[in-house]
Each structure stands twice: as C-alpha cells, then as structure tokens.
Amino acid sequence: MNFITAIKTVLFKKYANFNGRASRSEFWFFQLAYFLLALAISVFTTSEQWLPSVALDVLVILPVLAVSARRLHDTGRSGWNQLWAITIIGLIPLLYWYCSKSSDEGNRFGSNPLLSDNIV
C-alpha cells in the first residue's frame, strides 16, 4: 500500500472501523501523514493559535484509534492493548507490536490485508 492509498483508506473508507486488519504500510503511512500535518500546523501557527491543532486532533482521534486497533489485530492481538499506552512502559511493547510482521495466514480478525483481494 502506498502513501496516498493508506491515507484514503484510513480517512475515507475505514474512518472509524475497528474491525479487520491493517498492514504495517497502512498504519505507518497514516502515522507519518498525521505527524507531518501536525508539524506543519505547529510551524505555521503561534502558541496562541491553538484552534488548528485541537481541530486536527479532534478530527483524527477516531481514525488513529481505529487504525491502531486494526494494526494490533494484524498481529493477532486485541485492539484493547492500546490502553498500555497509558503507562509509559507500555509504549515499548506497543511499538514492537506495531512494527511486527503479520503472519501470511488469516487469524481471528480476518485474512491478511496484503494478500486478500479486497485491497482498495
């Protein structure tokens, strides 16, 4: 999955879809786009102009949570494991799981998104 396709998939096709699986490329390309947009907003606004930053966070909170849950599903874990981020030490296993390669066969959350024919 390429950069543009990942963004379109997460924002328009699976905005708040917590079911299924997300490939590493879908997850990381979306995270990169979110980071770059947040960086651009912080560069072009002052500290008193907090509205664009808050608006971005409100608009993407559901897609970020959904793609993160689907990424965890791709590694065979529940999306509820995102709650480990509340603890600082929990970020280490989360980062490892987000970077982990998925298995080629299906799991309880569906078939591998890169091998299935439903890539849009």
Protein backbone atom coordinates (compact mmCIF):
# COMPACT_ATOMS: atom_id res chain seq x y z
CA MET A 1 0.00 0.00 0.00
CA ASN A 2 1.39 3.40 -0.91
CA PHE A 3 1.25 6.69 0.99
CA ILE A 4 -1.83 8.19 -0.71
CA THR A 5 -3.78 4.93 -0.70
CA ALA A 6 -3.11 4.47 3.02
CA ILE A 7 -4.41 7.95 3.83
CA LYS A 8 -7.52 7.50 1.67
CA THR A 9 -8.21 4.11 3.20
CA VAL A 10 -7.91 5.27 6.79
CA LEU A 11 -9.69 8.61 6.44
CA PHE A 12 -12.43 7.83 3.92
CA LYS A 13 -13.05 4.08 3.73
CA LYS A 14 -12.34 2.94 7.29
CA TYR A 15 -12.67 6.17 9.30
CA ALA A 16 -13.99 4.58 12.49
CA ASN A 17 -13.81 0.90 11.52
CA PHE A 18 -12.25 -1.07 14.36
CA ASN A 19 -12.84 -4.43 12.66
CA GLY A 20 -10.41 -6.25 10.43
CA ARG A 21 -6.69 -5.84 9.97
CA ALA A 22 -4.31 -3.08 8.84
CA SER A 23 -0.95 -3.70 7.23
CA ARG A 24 2.22 -2.11 8.52
CA SER A 25 2.33 0.19 5.49
CA GLU A 26 -1.24 1.41 6.06
CA PHE A 27 -0.53 2.09 9.73
CA TRP A 28 2.87 3.75 9.34
CA PHE A 29 1.99 5.83 6.27
CA PHE A 30 -1.04 7.21 8.09
CA GLN A 31 1.03 7.94 11.21
CA LEU A 32 3.58 9.74 9.01
CA ALA A 33 0.86 11.84 7.35
CA TYR A 34 -0.60 12.75 10.74
CA PHE A 35 2.84 13.68 12.09
CA LEU A 36 3.68 15.83 9.04
CA LEU A 37 0.33 17.64 9.19
CA ALA A 38 0.70 18.27 12.93
CA LEU A 39 4.25 19.51 12.36
CA ALA A 40 3.09 21.88 9.61
CA ILE A 41 0.35 23.26 11.84
CA SER A 42 2.79 23.82 14.70
CA VAL A 43 5.30 25.55 12.40
CA PHE A 44 2.77 27.90 10.80
CA THR A 45 0.82 28.84 13.91
CA THR A 46 1.78 30.56 17.13
CA SER A 47 1.21 29.23 20.61
CA GLU A 48 -1.84 31.48 20.95
CA GLN A 49 -3.43 29.93 17.85
CA TRP A 50 -4.27 26.56 19.36
CA LEU A 51 -7.51 26.00 17.42
CA PRO A 52 -5.98 24.37 14.28
CA SER A 53 -4.05 21.90 16.40
CA VAL A 54 -7.06 21.00 18.51
CA ALA A 55 -9.24 20.71 15.39
CA LEU A 56 -6.75 18.27 13.83
CA ASP A 57 -6.66 16.17 16.99
CA VAL A 58 -10.45 16.03 17.21
CA LEU A 59 -10.79 15.09 13.52
CA VAL A 60 -8.27 12.25 13.61
CA ILE A 61 -8.76 10.73 17.07
CA LEU A 62 -11.13 8.04 15.76
CA PRO A 63 -9.05 7.12 12.69
CA VAL A 64 -5.87 6.93 14.80
CA LEU A 65 -7.53 4.64 17.33
CA ALA A 66 -9.17 2.55 14.60
CA VAL A 67 -6.04 2.01 12.50
CA SER A 68 -4.08 1.23 15.66
CA ALA A 69 -6.65 -1.38 16.69
CA ARG A 70 -6.61 -2.90 13.19
CA ARG A 71 -2.80 -2.97 13.27
CA LEU A 72 -2.88 -4.84 16.57
CA HIS A 73 -5.46 -7.20 15.04
CA ASP A 74 -2.99 -7.87 12.22
CA THR A 75 -0.51 -9.15 14.78
CA GLY A 76 -3.18 -11.31 16.44
CA ARG A 77 -3.79 -9.04 19.43
CA SER A 78 -6.86 -7.25 20.70
CA GLY A 79 -7.28 -3.55 19.97
CA TRP A 80 -7.75 -3.04 23.70
CA ASN A 81 -3.99 -3.42 24.05
CA GLN A 82 -3.79 0.25 23.07
CA LEU A 83 -4.59 1.01 26.69
CA TRP A 84 -1.00 0.02 27.51
CA ALA A 85 -0.07 3.47 26.16
CA ILE A 86 -1.46 4.96 29.37
CA THR A 87 1.58 3.60 31.14
CA ILE A 88 4.90 4.85 29.83
CA ILE A 89 6.46 1.39 29.94
CA GLY A 90 3.54 0.07 27.87
CA LEU A 91 4.72 2.07 24.86
CA ILE A 92 7.63 -0.34 24.37
CA PRO A 93 5.55 -3.46 23.62
CA LEU A 94 3.10 -1.36 21.59
CA LEU A 95 5.88 -0.07 19.37
CA TYR A 96 7.18 -3.61 18.97
CA TRP A 97 3.72 -4.92 18.03
CA TYR A 98 3.13 -2.06 15.58
CA CYS A 99 6.44 -2.92 13.87
CA SER A 100 5.89 -6.68 13.88
CA LYS A 101 5.31 -8.54 10.65
CA SER A 102 1.96 -10.23 10.40
CA SER A 103 1.52 -13.86 9.53
CA ASP A 104 0.56 -14.70 5.97
CA GLU A 105 -2.41 -16.79 7.03
CA GLY A 106 -5.60 -15.41 8.48
CA ASN A 107 -6.32 -15.02 12.17
CA ARG A 108 -9.47 -14.47 14.22
CA PHE A 109 -9.68 -10.90 12.90
CA GLY A 110 -9.68 -11.80 9.20
CA SER A 111 -7.34 -12.54 6.34
CA ASN A 112 -4.02 -10.82 5.71
CA PRO A 113 -4.85 -7.40 4.17
CA LEU A 114 -1.91 -7.56 1.76
CA LEU A 115 -2.82 -11.00 0.44
CA SER A 116 -6.58 -10.56 0.18
CA ASP A 117 -8.32 -9.29 -2.92
CA ASN A 118 -10.20 -6.55 -1.06
CA ILE A 119 -7.36 -4.01 -1.12
CA VAL A 120 -8.92 -0.76 -2.20
